[in-house]
Amino acid sequence: TADSLEGCLDCLLQALAQNNTETSEKIQKSGVLQVFASLLTPQSSCTAKVANIIAEVARNEFMRTPCVDAGLIPPLVQLLNCKDQEVLLQTGRALGNICYDSHEGRNAVDRAGGARIVVDHIRSLCSKTDPASEKLLTVFCGMLMNYSNENDTLQSQLINMGVIPTLVKLLGIHCQNAALTEMCLVAFGNLAELESSKEQFAYTNIAEELVRLFKKQIEHDKKEMIFEVLAPLAENDVIKLQLVEAGLVECLLEIVQKTVDSDKEDDIAELKTASDLMVLLLLGDESMQKLFEGGKGSVFQRVLSWIPSNSHQLQLAGALAIANFARNDGNCIHMVDHGIVQRLMELLDRHVEDGNVTVQHAALSALRNLAIPVVNKAKMLSAGVAEAVLKFLRSEMPPVQFKLLGTLRMLIDAQAEAAEQLGQNVKLVERLVEWCEAKDHAGVMGESNRLLSALIRHSKSKDVIRTIVRSGGVKHLVSMATSEHVIMQNEALVALALIAALELATAEKDLENAQLVQILHRLLSDDRSAPEIKYNSMVLICALIGSEPLQKEVQSLAFLDVVSKLRNHENKTVAQQASLTEQRLAVES
């Protein structure tokens, strides 16, 4: 009878309250789970209690698959259509617990169409602020969270159902309800990782809601939860700008100010998160320019004050922020004219001996970006940037090596005097030759080759060429001519042409050993070679004929046939150079 059934269910709930694990094991062994499926009917007065028991047993991981196997999911999903609030509450709990970390549970709810019904419930309950509705909303949000956690397919399904605008609205209306707010935040954290979600978030007022919520938080854990949603959302440029306009930057600067001198673990974590997020906001062009404000912005000034700080985290964030501000010529010129270079050099100086690698890397990144505008190069060179950077030649850290090389290459671009000076620095050239063989670090290897070539191209100096030849750099420039990147091939060919024009006798043996002539023959024969590669290869051939052994190699490889074909090349410059080269080769032969 209904009464005795009710007594049995009460007894089970009591047993579960006393020892959930043991009772759940007994329920599983007794085979009563299968009976529950037939008791989950909207007409029965016991339905809410049965759903409650299922919710309790499903708190145990070992019970989730048995609940699915007992066929409990379809009747539970059907109960989501009833009007009784207690039944809805317990059903939401049961489905949420079965889905928790359970692949089988989620698939069963997906097949039964449970997510759509729950999303519709949340939408219709969204504006109700009575305690019962808020409790139901909290359970339903938790259920969706367990349903889609770390599952891209199910997260996409919820996004396509339009759950994001609903949850953002929910957060705005129920921001006084801590439990519901927390559920919303965890759901956002789940969904915000997906690229498609960011586009939907950008059409809501999520930025305002999160910043408003953030300003009210005192506890570290609550702030941390909001940070976990802000970080993935702030990867989207539209949302970056919305967050800046909603006043997030001011909140972050306040956190930095409050936590910078603290040694409490929570404060150190908050300082890191806030300063990292600040740097992330500066990665968007519009948000960065808005905060730069022509170099007069209070945010820009505050970030500058981080660089001389004693906190490594703030030094790092300050240098990264400068690197992000230095993404257009106008900003770079302004910063160099206002003494930023000096601050970065002082920061690097503090990290020469056993320094912090991430700070070194960030400061070098900032200097490299600042060195891009032509007008900044001479100013930075006379400020001693090259010398400051060279102190890190001893570094064994590939990221630091990479940025060091990039900074020097930017600095000497079209700066003949600096290129000549650096090109005769034997320690530098020897280190470059060593790094040209760093096969484990393609970036360092590529940059070393490019800097070797740049030293020759910008100095056009015999002394520089002699230093590079003596240090064994020629073979690397020859192999750089076979790079898959046209720009690097070209830089190598131009440098080799200068070597051949200015110091052919000195480099002759190395060019021969590196099989340069054979490589040039290959480049000219290959239809895929870019026009500028063909042109510079022919210029180089004309220069190499001045060496007897190299001329013999040229003759033995029938270059005339290859070059004569290029006289009809669609590119006029290539065709003209082919005619000139053909004449030179004919005369020499």
Protein backbone atom coordinates (compact mmCIF):
# COMPACT_ATOMS: atom_id res chain seq x y z
CA THR A 1 0.00 0.00 0.00
CA ALA A 2 0.98 3.62 -0.42
CA ASP A 3 1.42 4.04 3.35
CA SER A 4 3.73 1.07 3.82
CA LEU A 5 5.68 2.11 0.69
CA GLU A 6 6.11 5.59 2.15
CA GLY A 7 7.41 4.03 5.39
CA CYS A 8 9.96 1.97 3.44
CA LEU A 9 11.19 5.04 1.55
CA ASP A 10 11.52 7.04 4.78
CA CYS A 11 13.48 4.18 6.28
CA LEU A 12 15.86 4.14 3.27
CA LEU A 13 16.37 7.92 3.48
CA GLN A 14 17.18 7.61 7.19
CA ALA A 15 19.69 4.84 6.51
CA LEU A 16 21.30 6.92 3.74
CA ALA A 17 21.58 9.88 6.09
CA GLN A 18 23.41 7.71 8.65
CA ASN A 19 25.79 5.88 6.27
CA ASN A 20 25.35 6.74 2.61
CA THR A 21 28.04 4.46 1.15
CA GLU A 22 27.07 1.29 2.99
CA THR A 23 23.34 1.82 2.41
CA SER A 24 23.93 2.49 -1.31
CA GLU A 25 25.85 -0.78 -1.64
CA LYS A 26 22.96 -2.66 -0.01
CA ILE A 27 20.41 -0.94 -2.29
CA GLN A 28 22.46 -1.94 -5.33
CA LYS A 29 22.76 -5.59 -4.22
CA SER A 30 19.06 -5.86 -3.36
CA GLY A 31 18.02 -5.08 -6.96
CA VAL A 32 15.62 -2.38 -5.73
CA LEU A 33 17.01 0.20 -8.21
CA GLN A 34 15.01 -1.49 -11.00
CA VAL A 35 11.87 -1.14 -8.87
CA PHE A 36 12.42 2.62 -8.55
CA ALA A 37 11.96 3.05 -12.32
CA SER A 38 8.31 1.98 -12.04
CA LEU A 39 7.73 4.24 -8.98
CA LEU A 40 8.83 7.42 -10.81
CA THR A 41 5.39 8.46 -12.04
CA PRO A 42 3.86 11.94 -11.83
CA GLN A 43 0.68 10.47 -10.28
CA SER A 44 2.40 8.82 -7.29
CA SER A 45 2.61 10.70 -3.99
CA CYS A 46 5.97 9.00 -3.30
CA THR A 47 7.74 10.24 -6.46
CA ALA A 48 9.66 13.07 -4.76
CA LYS A 49 10.99 10.65 -2.10
CA VAL A 50 12.10 8.10 -4.71
CA ALA A 51 13.91 10.85 -6.67
CA ASN A 52 15.51 12.02 -3.40
CA ILE A 53 16.81 8.47 -2.69
CA ILE A 54 18.26 8.27 -6.23
CA ALA A 55 19.92 11.68 -5.72
CA GLU A 56 21.46 10.43 -2.45
CA VAL A 57 22.75 7.10 -3.79
CA ALA A 58 24.16 8.85 -6.91
CA ARG A 59 26.47 10.87 -4.68
CA ASN A 60 28.64 7.72 -4.78
CA GLU A 61 30.66 7.28 -7.94
CA PHE A 62 30.08 3.51 -7.99
CA MET A 63 26.29 4.01 -8.10
CA ARG A 64 26.03 6.25 -11.16
CA THR A 65 26.38 3.61 -13.88
CA PRO A 66 24.00 1.18 -12.04
CA CYS A 67 21.40 4.01 -11.94
CA VAL A 68 21.73 4.35 -15.73
CA ASP A 69 21.61 0.56 -16.24
CA ALA A 70 18.46 0.34 -14.09
CA GLY A 71 16.72 2.57 -16.66
CA LEU A 72 16.18 5.47 -14.23
CA ILE A 73 17.11 8.29 -16.63
CA PRO A 74 14.10 8.29 -19.03
CA PRO A 75 11.47 8.37 -16.20
CA LEU A 76 13.48 11.04 -14.33
CA VAL A 77 13.63 13.20 -17.47
CA GLN A 78 9.87 12.73 -17.94
CA LEU A 79 9.34 14.04 -14.37
CA LEU A 80 10.97 17.33 -15.41
CA ASN A 81 7.67 18.09 -17.18
CA CYS A 82 5.61 18.03 -13.97
CA LYS A 83 4.58 21.10 -12.00
CA ASP A 84 5.28 19.94 -8.43
CA GLN A 85 8.24 21.95 -7.11
CA GLU A 86 9.48 19.28 -4.69
CA VAL A 87 9.45 16.63 -7.45
CA LEU A 88 11.33 19.03 -9.78
CA LEU A 89 13.88 19.79 -7.07
CA GLN A 90 14.64 16.15 -6.25
CA THR A 91 14.61 15.13 -9.92
CA GLY A 92 17.09 17.93 -10.75
CA ARG A 93 19.32 16.72 -7.90
CA ALA A 94 19.12 13.09 -9.03
CA LEU A 95 20.00 13.88 -12.65
CA GLY A 96 22.76 16.28 -11.61
CA ASN A 97 24.38 13.70 -9.31
CA ILE A 98 24.14 10.91 -11.90
CA CYS A 99 25.87 13.19 -14.46
CA TYR A 100 28.70 14.14 -12.11
CA ASP A 101 31.94 12.85 -13.68
CA SER A 102 29.95 10.09 -15.40
CA HIS A 103 30.18 9.62 -19.13
CA GLU A 104 27.33 7.08 -19.08
CA GLY A 105 25.10 9.39 -17.02
CA ARG A 106 25.61 12.35 -19.35
CA ASN A 107 25.00 10.27 -22.49
CA ALA A 108 21.77 8.87 -21.03
CA VAL A 109 20.47 12.36 -20.12
CA ASP A 110 21.48 13.59 -23.58
CA ARG A 111 19.59 10.73 -25.29
CA ALA A 112 16.49 11.41 -23.17
CA GLY A 113 16.58 15.15 -24.06
CA GLY A 114 16.91 16.31 -20.44
CA ALA A 115 19.10 19.38 -21.08
CA ARG A 116 16.53 21.17 -23.26
CA ILE A 117 13.78 20.83 -20.61
CA VAL A 118 16.10 22.13 -17.85
CA VAL A 119 17.21 25.11 -19.98
CA ASP A 120 13.53 25.96 -20.61
CA HIS A 121 12.81 25.74 -16.85
CA ILE A 122 15.70 28.09 -16.06
CA ARG A 123 14.42 30.53 -18.68
CA SER A 124 10.88 30.58 -17.26
CA LEU A 125 12.02 30.76 -13.62
CA CYS A 126 14.77 33.31 -14.28
CA SER A 127 12.90 36.41 -13.07
CA LYS A 128 11.35 34.83 -9.94
CA THR A 129 13.10 35.77 -6.72
CA ASP A 130 11.11 33.78 -4.13
CA PRO A 131 13.24 31.33 -2.07
CA ALA A 132 11.65 28.17 -3.59
CA SER A 133 12.32 29.33 -7.18
CA GLU A 134 15.87 30.34 -6.34
CA LYS A 135 16.50 26.94 -4.77
CA LEU A 136 15.18 25.23 -7.90
CA LEU A 137 17.28 27.48 -10.15
CA THR A 138 20.40 26.61 -8.14
CA VAL A 139 19.76 22.88 -8.54
CA PHE A 140 19.05 23.20 -12.28
CA CYS A 141 22.20 25.28 -12.88
CA GLY A 142 24.19 22.67 -10.95
CA MET A 143 22.65 19.91 -13.03
CA LEU A 144 23.67 21.61 -16.32
CA MET A 145 27.14 22.20 -14.92
CA ASN A 146 27.61 18.49 -14.08
CA TYR A 147 26.07 17.53 -17.41
CA SER A 148 28.49 19.57 -19.55
CA ASN A 149 31.66 19.81 -17.42
CA GLU A 150 34.79 19.28 -19.56
CA ASN A 151 32.67 17.95 -22.44
CA ASP A 152 32.98 20.18 -25.51
CA THR A 153 30.14 18.50 -27.40
CA LEU A 154 27.61 18.95 -24.59
CA GLN A 155 28.85 22.49 -23.87
CA SER A 156 28.30 23.37 -27.55
CA GLN A 157 24.82 21.85 -27.31
CA LEU A 158 23.94 24.13 -24.36
CA ILE A 159 25.40 27.16 -26.14
CA ASN A 160 23.27 26.40 -29.21
CA MET A 161 20.22 26.20 -26.92
CA GLY A 162 20.93 29.82 -25.96
CA VAL A 163 21.84 29.14 -22.33
CA ILE A 164 24.44 31.93 -22.12
CA PRO A 165 22.14 35.02 -22.32
CA THR A 166 19.79 33.29 -19.84
CA LEU A 167 22.56 32.64 -17.30
CA VAL A 168 23.89 36.22 -17.65
CA LYS A 169 20.39 37.55 -16.99
CA LEU A 170 20.11 35.16 -14.03
CA LEU A 171 23.36 36.50 -12.56
CA GLY A 172 22.09 40.08 -12.79
CA ILE A 173 18.73 39.36 -11.12
CA HIS A 174 19.96 37.00 -8.38
CA CYS A 175 23.33 38.57 -7.48
CA GLN A 176 22.24 38.68 -3.80
CA ASN A 177 21.87 34.88 -3.69
CA ALA A 178 25.34 33.48 -2.96
CA ALA A 179 24.60 29.83 -3.83
CA LEU A 180 22.95 30.67 -7.15
CA THR A 181 25.64 33.21 -8.06
CA GLU A 182 28.29 30.57 -7.39
CA MET A 183 26.51 28.06 -9.63
CA CYS A 184 26.31 30.65 -12.43
CA LEU A 185 30.01 31.40 -12.12
CA VAL A 186 31.01 27.75 -12.29
CA ALA A 187 28.73 27.28 -15.32
CA PHE A 188 30.36 30.32 -16.99
CA GLY A 189 33.80 28.94 -16.20
CA ASN A 190 32.77 25.70 -17.93
CA LEU A 191 31.42 27.36 -21.04
CA ALA A 192 33.87 30.26 -21.40
CA GLU A 193 36.69 27.99 -22.61
CA LEU A 194 34.84 27.35 -25.90
CA GLU A 195 35.49 29.82 -28.70
CA SER A 196 31.85 29.81 -29.84
CA SER A 197 30.74 30.82 -26.33
CA LYS A 198 32.85 33.98 -26.34
CA GLU A 199 30.97 35.33 -29.35
CA GLN A 200 27.68 34.81 -27.47
CA PHE A 201 29.05 36.31 -24.25
CA ALA A 202 30.14 39.39 -26.23
CA TYR A 203 26.47 40.10 -27.04
CA THR A 204 25.46 40.14 -23.35
CA ASN A 205 26.32 42.52 -20.51
CA ILE A 206 28.52 39.86 -18.84
CA ALA A 207 31.38 42.34 -18.43
CA GLU A 208 29.26 44.77 -16.36
CA GLU A 209 27.73 41.97 -14.29
CA LEU A 210 31.08 40.35 -13.46
CA VAL A 211 32.78 43.65 -12.61
CA ARG A 212 29.83 44.68 -10.42
CA LEU A 213 29.94 41.32 -8.65
CA PHE A 214 33.72 41.51 -8.31
CA LYS A 215 33.58 44.90 -6.58
CA LYS A 216 31.35 43.44 -3.85
CA GLN A 217 33.61 40.49 -3.01
CA ILE A 218 35.74 40.42 0.10
CA GLU A 219 36.63 36.72 0.33
CA HIS A 220 39.60 35.45 -1.64
CA ASP A 221 37.79 32.30 -2.86
CA LYS A 222 34.90 34.30 -4.33
CA LYS A 223 37.30 36.65 -6.15
CA GLU A 224 39.20 33.63 -7.43
CA MET A 225 35.97 32.18 -8.87
CA ILE A 226 35.27 35.38 -10.79
CA PHE A 227 38.88 35.52 -11.99
CA GLU A 228 38.47 32.01 -13.41
CA VAL A 229 35.62 33.27 -15.60
CA LEU A 230 37.29 36.57 -16.50
CA ALA A 231 40.54 35.02 -17.76
CA PRO A 232 39.08 32.92 -20.63
CA LEU A 233 36.53 35.63 -21.52
CA ALA A 234 39.26 38.29 -21.68
CA GLU A 235 40.89 36.37 -24.53
CA ASN A 236 38.15 37.82 -26.77
CA ASP A 237 39.01 41.33 -28.04
CA VAL A 238 35.41 42.61 -27.92
CA ILE A 239 35.03 41.45 -24.30
CA LYS A 240 38.44 42.94 -23.40
CA LEU A 241 37.14 46.36 -24.37
CA GLN A 242 33.83 45.77 -22.54
CA LEU A 243 35.75 44.82 -19.37
CA VAL A 244 37.93 47.94 -19.63
CA GLU A 245 34.82 50.10 -20.09
CA ALA A 246 33.09 48.36 -17.15
CA GLY A 247 35.94 49.43 -14.85
CA LEU A 248 37.77 46.13 -14.35
CA VAL A 249 41.19 47.78 -14.66
CA GLU A 250 40.56 50.01 -11.65
CA CYS A 251 39.60 46.92 -9.60
CA LEU A 252 42.79 45.14 -10.68
CA LEU A 253 45.02 48.12 -9.85
CA GLU A 254 43.39 48.32 -6.42
CA ILE A 255 44.13 44.62 -5.77
CA VAL A 256 47.75 45.13 -6.79
CA GLN A 257 48.07 48.08 -4.42
CA LYS A 258 46.55 46.14 -1.51
CA THR A 259 48.54 42.93 -2.00
CA VAL A 260 51.94 44.06 -3.26
CA ASP A 261 53.67 44.13 0.13
CA SER A 262 51.88 41.14 1.64
CA ASP A 263 53.47 37.73 2.12
CA LYS A 264 50.14 35.94 2.72
CA GLU A 265 49.59 33.10 0.27
CA ASP A 266 46.14 34.32 -0.81
CA ASP A 267 47.42 37.85 -1.42
CA ILE A 268 50.38 36.61 -3.48
CA ALA A 269 47.95 34.52 -5.60
CA GLU A 270 45.62 37.52 -6.05
CA LEU A 271 48.51 39.79 -7.03
CA LYS A 272 49.58 37.31 -9.71
CA THR A 273 46.08 36.79 -11.08
CA ALA A 274 45.27 40.52 -11.14
CA SER A 275 48.52 41.56 -12.83
CA ASP A 276 48.32 38.68 -15.35
CA LEU A 277 44.77 39.67 -16.24
CA MET A 278 45.88 43.29 -16.64
CA VAL A 279 48.49 42.17 -19.20
CA LEU A 280 45.85 40.08 -21.00
CA LEU A 281 43.55 43.12 -21.34
CA LEU A 282 46.40 44.97 -23.06
CA LEU A 283 46.62 42.34 -25.79
CA GLY A 284 43.57 43.84 -27.52
CA ASP A 285 44.43 46.76 -29.81
CA GLU A 286 41.41 48.87 -28.84
CA SER A 287 41.58 48.12 -25.11
CA MET A 288 45.35 48.77 -25.11
CA GLN A 289 45.02 52.12 -26.93
CA LYS A 290 42.19 53.19 -24.63
CA LEU A 291 44.41 52.59 -21.57
CA PHE A 292 47.50 54.17 -23.15
CA GLU A 293 45.66 57.48 -23.65
CA GLY A 294 48.54 59.01 -25.58
CA GLY A 295 50.97 58.00 -22.85
CA LYS A 296 49.16 60.20 -20.31
CA GLY A 297 46.73 57.55 -19.06
CA SER A 298 46.73 56.94 -15.31
CA VAL A 299 46.69 53.18 -15.98
CA PHE A 300 49.80 53.43 -18.14
CA GLN A 301 51.54 55.46 -15.42
CA ARG A 302 50.58 52.95 -12.71
CA VAL A 303 51.87 50.03 -14.78
CA LEU A 304 55.18 51.87 -15.25
CA SER A 305 55.54 52.07 -11.48
CA TRP A 306 55.51 48.25 -11.34
CA ILE A 307 58.87 47.98 -13.13
CA PRO A 308 61.09 49.21 -10.25
CA SER A 309 59.00 47.18 -7.75
CA ASN A 310 60.66 44.49 -5.60
CA SER A 311 58.03 41.93 -6.60
CA HIS A 312 59.17 39.70 -9.45
CA GLN A 313 55.54 39.19 -10.41
CA LEU A 314 54.98 42.94 -10.80
CA GLN A 315 58.28 43.46 -12.62
CA LEU A 316 57.20 40.73 -15.05
CA ALA A 317 53.70 42.15 -15.53
CA GLY A 318 55.11 45.68 -15.93
CA ALA A 319 57.57 44.60 -18.63
CA LEU A 320 54.92 42.53 -20.45
CA ALA A 321 52.52 45.47 -20.28
CA ILE A 322 55.16 47.76 -21.87
CA ALA A 323 55.70 45.13 -24.59
CA ASN A 324 51.93 45.16 -25.22
CA PHE A 325 51.73 48.97 -25.26
CA ALA A 326 54.64 48.91 -27.75
CA ARG A 327 52.55 47.46 -30.56
CA ASN A 328 52.40 50.53 -32.77
CA ASP A 329 54.99 53.10 -33.83
CA GLY A 330 53.30 56.07 -32.15
CA ASN A 331 53.29 54.42 -28.72
CA CYS A 332 56.88 53.17 -29.15
CA ILE A 333 58.21 56.60 -30.10
CA HIS A 334 56.40 58.23 -27.17
CA MET A 335 57.75 55.67 -24.69
CA VAL A 336 61.36 55.95 -25.90
CA ASP A 337 61.13 59.75 -25.71
CA HIS A 338 59.85 59.50 -22.14
CA GLY A 339 62.62 57.38 -20.67
CA ILE A 340 61.02 53.92 -20.63
CA VAL A 341 64.18 52.38 -22.09
CA GLN A 342 66.19 53.45 -19.04
CA ARG A 343 63.71 51.76 -16.70
CA LEU A 344 63.83 48.52 -18.67
CA MET A 345 67.65 48.55 -18.70
CA GLU A 346 67.71 49.08 -14.93
CA LEU A 347 65.30 46.16 -14.57
CA LEU A 348 67.51 43.92 -16.74
CA ASP A 349 70.53 44.96 -14.69
CA ARG A 350 68.86 43.60 -11.56
CA HIS A 351 68.50 40.21 -13.27
CA VAL A 352 71.91 39.64 -14.89
CA GLU A 353 73.33 37.33 -12.22
CA ASP A 354 71.05 34.36 -11.45
CA GLY A 355 68.16 36.48 -12.64
CA ASN A 356 64.53 35.59 -13.10
CA VAL A 357 64.23 34.13 -16.62
CA THR A 358 60.62 35.24 -17.15
CA VAL A 359 61.50 38.84 -16.20
CA GLN A 360 64.55 38.78 -18.52
CA HIS A 361 62.39 37.45 -21.34
CA ALA A 362 59.66 40.06 -20.79
CA ALA A 363 62.07 43.02 -20.56
CA LEU A 364 63.87 41.92 -23.73
CA SER A 365 60.47 41.53 -25.49
CA ALA A 366 59.61 45.10 -24.56
CA LEU A 367 62.98 46.43 -25.81
CA ARG A 368 62.64 44.49 -29.06
CA ASN A 369 59.20 46.00 -29.73
CA LEU A 370 60.42 49.51 -28.84
CA ALA A 371 63.29 49.11 -31.34
CA ILE A 372 60.99 48.57 -34.34
CA PRO A 373 60.36 52.23 -35.36
CA VAL A 374 63.31 53.59 -37.37
CA VAL A 375 63.58 56.78 -35.28
CA ASN A 376 64.00 54.78 -32.07
CA LYS A 377 67.00 52.69 -33.15
CA ALA A 378 69.73 55.34 -32.90
CA LYS A 379 68.27 56.68 -29.63
CA MET A 380 68.23 53.22 -28.07
CA LEU A 381 71.75 52.43 -29.31
CA SER A 382 73.14 55.65 -27.83
CA ALA A 383 71.31 54.86 -24.56
CA GLY A 384 73.42 51.67 -24.37
CA VAL A 385 70.72 49.09 -25.08
CA ALA A 386 73.05 46.86 -27.15
CA GLU A 387 75.54 46.67 -24.25
CA ALA A 388 72.74 45.93 -21.76
CA VAL A 389 71.43 43.13 -23.95
CA LEU A 390 74.87 41.60 -24.57
CA LYS A 391 75.19 40.91 -20.83
CA PHE A 392 72.78 38.02 -21.42
CA LEU A 393 74.94 36.29 -24.05
CA ARG A 394 75.89 33.76 -21.38
CA SER A 395 72.27 32.74 -20.85
CA GLU A 396 71.50 29.07 -21.42
CA MET A 397 67.75 29.70 -21.60
CA PRO A 398 66.38 29.46 -25.19
CA PRO A 399 63.51 31.95 -24.60
CA VAL A 400 66.03 34.57 -23.38
CA GLN A 401 68.44 33.76 -26.22
CA PHE A 402 65.61 34.14 -28.74
CA LYS A 403 64.54 37.58 -27.50
CA LEU A 404 68.14 38.76 -27.13
CA LEU A 405 68.80 37.93 -30.80
CA GLY A 406 65.57 39.56 -31.96
CA THR A 407 66.35 42.75 -30.02
CA LEU A 408 69.86 43.05 -31.51
CA ARG A 409 68.53 42.36 -35.01
CA MET A 410 65.92 45.12 -34.64
CA LEU A 411 68.50 47.56 -33.26
CA ILE A 412 71.02 47.23 -36.10
CA ASP A 413 68.49 47.38 -38.93
CA ALA A 414 69.94 50.08 -41.28
CA GLN A 415 72.37 51.17 -38.52
CA ALA A 416 75.75 50.67 -40.24
CA GLU A 417 77.92 51.85 -37.37
CA ALA A 418 76.24 49.63 -34.78
CA ALA A 419 76.27 46.63 -37.14
CA GLU A 420 80.00 47.16 -37.75
CA GLN A 421 80.74 47.40 -34.05
CA LEU A 422 78.70 44.32 -33.10
CA GLY A 423 79.93 42.38 -36.12
CA GLN A 424 83.51 42.66 -34.84
CA ASN A 425 82.56 41.50 -31.36
CA VAL A 426 84.18 38.06 -31.47
CA LYS A 427 82.33 36.77 -28.39
CA LEU A 428 78.97 37.65 -29.95
CA VAL A 429 79.83 36.19 -33.36
CA GLU A 430 81.16 32.95 -31.83
CA ARG A 431 77.99 32.60 -29.73
CA LEU A 432 75.87 33.16 -32.85
CA VAL A 433 77.74 30.45 -34.73
CA GLU A 434 77.21 28.11 -31.76
CA TRP A 435 73.47 28.89 -31.66
CA CYS A 436 73.19 28.35 -35.43
CA GLU A 437 73.54 24.68 -34.55
CA ALA A 438 70.84 24.67 -31.82
CA LYS A 439 68.72 22.08 -33.63
CA ASP A 440 66.47 21.57 -30.58
CA HIS A 441 65.45 25.23 -30.66
CA ALA A 442 64.40 26.21 -34.17
CA GLY A 443 63.57 29.77 -33.10
CA VAL A 444 67.04 30.41 -31.65
CA MET A 445 68.69 28.77 -34.66
CA GLY A 446 66.69 30.89 -37.13
CA GLU A 447 67.29 34.16 -35.27
CA SER A 448 71.05 33.45 -34.99
CA ASN A 449 71.29 32.93 -38.73
CA ARG A 450 69.30 36.09 -39.40
CA LEU A 451 71.48 38.17 -37.07
CA LEU A 452 74.68 36.87 -38.73
CA SER A 453 73.29 37.87 -42.10
CA ALA A 454 72.07 41.24 -40.75
CA LEU A 455 75.53 42.11 -39.36
CA ILE A 456 76.98 41.74 -42.88
CA ARG A 457 74.07 43.34 -44.75
CA HIS A 458 73.86 46.45 -42.59
CA SER A 459 77.60 46.99 -42.03
CA LYS A 460 78.86 46.08 -45.53
CA SER A 461 82.19 45.85 -43.69
CA LYS A 462 85.22 43.73 -44.63
CA ASP A 463 86.21 43.52 -40.95
CA VAL A 464 82.81 42.10 -40.03
CA ILE A 465 83.00 39.57 -42.85
CA ARG A 466 86.49 38.51 -41.76
CA THR A 467 85.30 38.04 -38.15
CA ILE A 468 82.37 35.89 -39.32
CA VAL A 469 84.53 33.82 -41.69
CA ARG A 470 87.15 33.20 -38.96
CA SER A 471 84.41 32.15 -36.50
CA GLY A 472 83.02 29.58 -38.95
CA GLY A 473 79.80 31.42 -39.84
CA VAL A 474 79.88 31.01 -43.64
CA LYS A 475 78.51 27.44 -43.74
CA HIS A 476 75.48 28.56 -41.72
CA LEU A 477 74.69 31.38 -44.14
CA VAL A 478 74.94 28.90 -47.02
CA SER A 479 72.53 26.47 -45.36
CA MET A 480 70.24 29.43 -44.54
CA ALA A 481 69.94 29.96 -48.31
CA THR A 482 67.99 26.67 -48.41
CA SER A 483 65.53 27.72 -45.68
CA GLU A 484 61.81 27.10 -46.25
CA HIS A 485 61.19 30.81 -45.52
CA VAL A 486 61.77 33.04 -48.56
CA ILE A 487 62.69 36.03 -46.38
CA MET A 488 65.50 34.05 -44.72
CA GLN A 489 66.73 32.64 -48.05
CA ASN A 490 66.90 36.15 -49.41
CA GLU A 491 68.75 37.58 -46.41
CA ALA A 492 71.30 34.77 -46.71
CA LEU A 493 71.85 35.31 -50.46
CA VAL A 494 72.35 39.07 -50.04
CA ALA A 495 74.88 38.48 -47.21
CA LEU A 496 76.72 35.87 -49.29
CA ALA A 497 76.82 38.24 -52.29
CA LEU A 498 78.48 40.87 -50.05
CA ILE A 499 81.00 38.29 -48.81
CA ALA A 500 81.77 37.35 -52.43
CA ALA A 501 82.07 40.99 -53.49
CA LEU A 502 84.21 42.18 -50.55
CA GLU A 503 86.18 39.18 -49.21
CA LEU A 504 85.97 36.37 -51.74
CA ALA A 505 89.54 35.15 -51.21
CA THR A 506 89.06 34.90 -47.43
CA ALA A 507 85.79 32.96 -47.71
CA GLU A 508 86.58 30.92 -50.83
CA LYS A 509 87.45 27.64 -49.05
CA ASP A 510 84.36 27.80 -46.76
CA LEU A 511 82.02 28.57 -49.68
CA GLU A 512 83.47 25.62 -51.59
CA ASN A 513 83.15 23.23 -48.63
CA ALA A 514 79.56 24.32 -48.03
CA GLN A 515 78.73 23.46 -51.67
CA LEU A 516 77.27 26.89 -52.37
CA VAL A 517 77.53 26.53 -56.17
CA GLN A 518 75.49 23.32 -56.16
CA ILE A 519 72.85 24.96 -53.95
CA LEU A 520 72.59 27.96 -56.31
CA HIS A 521 72.18 25.61 -59.27
CA ARG A 522 69.32 23.92 -57.42
CA LEU A 523 67.64 27.26 -56.56
CA LEU A 524 67.83 28.48 -60.17
CA SER A 525 66.55 25.17 -61.59
CA ASP A 526 63.61 24.97 -59.20
CA ASP A 527 60.44 26.48 -60.69
CA ARG A 528 59.11 27.05 -57.16
CA SER A 529 61.90 29.49 -56.23
CA ALA A 530 60.58 33.02 -55.75
CA PRO A 531 61.67 35.69 -58.32
CA GLU A 532 63.84 37.49 -55.73
CA ILE A 533 65.62 34.21 -54.92
CA LYS A 534 66.41 33.64 -58.59
CA TYR A 535 67.59 37.23 -58.99
CA ASN A 536 69.92 37.17 -55.96
CA SER A 537 71.24 33.70 -56.87
CA MET A 538 72.35 35.06 -60.26
CA VAL A 539 73.94 38.15 -58.68
CA LEU A 540 75.86 35.82 -56.39
CA ILE A 541 76.99 33.56 -59.29
CA CYS A 542 78.44 36.62 -61.07
CA ALA A 543 80.44 37.47 -57.94
CA LEU A 544 81.66 33.89 -57.37
CA ILE A 545 83.22 33.67 -60.86
CA GLY A 546 86.03 35.84 -59.47
CA SER A 547 87.35 32.74 -57.66
CA GLU A 548 89.12 30.11 -59.75
CA PRO A 549 87.95 26.97 -57.90
CA LEU A 550 84.39 28.28 -57.65
CA GLN A 551 84.39 29.30 -61.33
CA LYS A 552 85.39 25.73 -62.26
CA GLU A 553 82.40 24.42 -60.29
CA VAL A 554 80.12 26.87 -62.09
CA GLN A 555 81.38 25.69 -65.47
CA SER A 556 81.07 22.02 -64.57
CA LEU A 557 77.38 22.41 -63.67
CA ALA A 558 76.20 23.90 -66.99
CA PHE A 559 74.79 27.05 -65.45
CA LEU A 560 74.46 28.65 -68.90
CA ASP A 561 71.54 26.33 -69.80
CA VAL A 562 69.63 27.17 -66.61
CA VAL A 563 70.29 30.92 -66.86
CA SER A 564 69.40 31.22 -70.55
CA LYS A 565 65.95 29.75 -69.81
CA LEU A 566 65.37 32.56 -67.28
CA ARG A 567 65.76 35.24 -69.98
CA ASN A 568 62.06 34.70 -70.74
CA HIS A 569 60.97 34.85 -67.09
CA GLU A 570 57.69 36.70 -66.47
CA ASN A 571 59.47 38.92 -63.92
CA LYS A 572 61.33 41.68 -65.84
CA THR A 573 64.08 42.10 -63.22
CA VAL A 574 64.81 38.37 -63.24
CA ALA A 575 64.85 38.32 -67.09
CA GLN A 576 67.30 41.28 -67.23
CA GLN A 577 69.60 39.73 -64.63
CA ALA A 578 69.51 36.45 -66.59
CA SER A 579 70.78 38.27 -69.73
CA LEU A 580 73.59 39.95 -67.75
CA THR A 581 74.54 36.68 -66.03
CA GLU A 582 74.52 34.80 -69.33
CA GLN A 583 76.94 37.38 -70.81
CA ARG A 584 79.27 37.11 -67.80
CA LEU A 585 79.27 33.32 -67.93
CA ALA A 586 79.86 33.31 -71.71
CA VAL A 587 82.85 35.68 -71.31
CA GLU A 588 84.36 33.62 -68.48
CA SER A 589 83.99 30.34 -70.33
